[in-house]
Amino acid sequence: MFVVSVRSSAIKTGVLSVLLVACAAFGIFAAGKSVSAAVTADKTGLSYLAGNAAQRVDFLAQFGWEIDEDPVEVSEVIIPAEFDSAYKEYNDMQAGHGLDLSKYSGMRAKRWTYTVKNYPGYENNDGMVQANIFVLDGAVIGGDISSLEKDGFMQDFNYPKENTSVYGETTNG
């Protein structure tokens, strides 16, 4: 059996208490900083907050999207540790919004999928266009707007500048 006896003075106890409080404060600050860095990463003033349903709806609305507020699907995904060519291309699309999924390699995130109600040319085809957002620690870290059609499309969050028909043709509008 190993026994240690320590005599503590009031000064040692006070110094130890101050150090513990300082370490705890630093830990709270560092944990909050990682989320706030992702939330305020965009210089245009876009909010990347997505910790609750209203924030996820607001995130997509700031790009012009109207969605059904109830998600079609919520799933847990693991960001790959190494990106293949398809994931690299997908991540390149994220760069347009200052997002980079490679920072989260190997981490678990939630994917929220919503039905888009106002994609140009698809307004009457309910459920054909969906918004996917990847959320980690209450902030959007990536996502896309995509069509469920056989020869569908995938794009970043920006609202399209051209009108797209349901047949894939575009017209300047």
Foldseek 3Di string as FASTA:
>chain_A
DDDDDDDDDPVNVVVVVVVVVVVVVVVVVVVVVVQVCQQPVAPVPQGFFAQDLVVVQVNLVVQPWDWDSDFPDKDKDFAAQDDDPVVVVQQVLFVVRPAGCNVRHGHIWMKTKTWTCDQFQCNPVTPQKIWIFTDDPRGTRHTWIWGPDPPIDTHGSHRDQWHAHPVGDTDHD
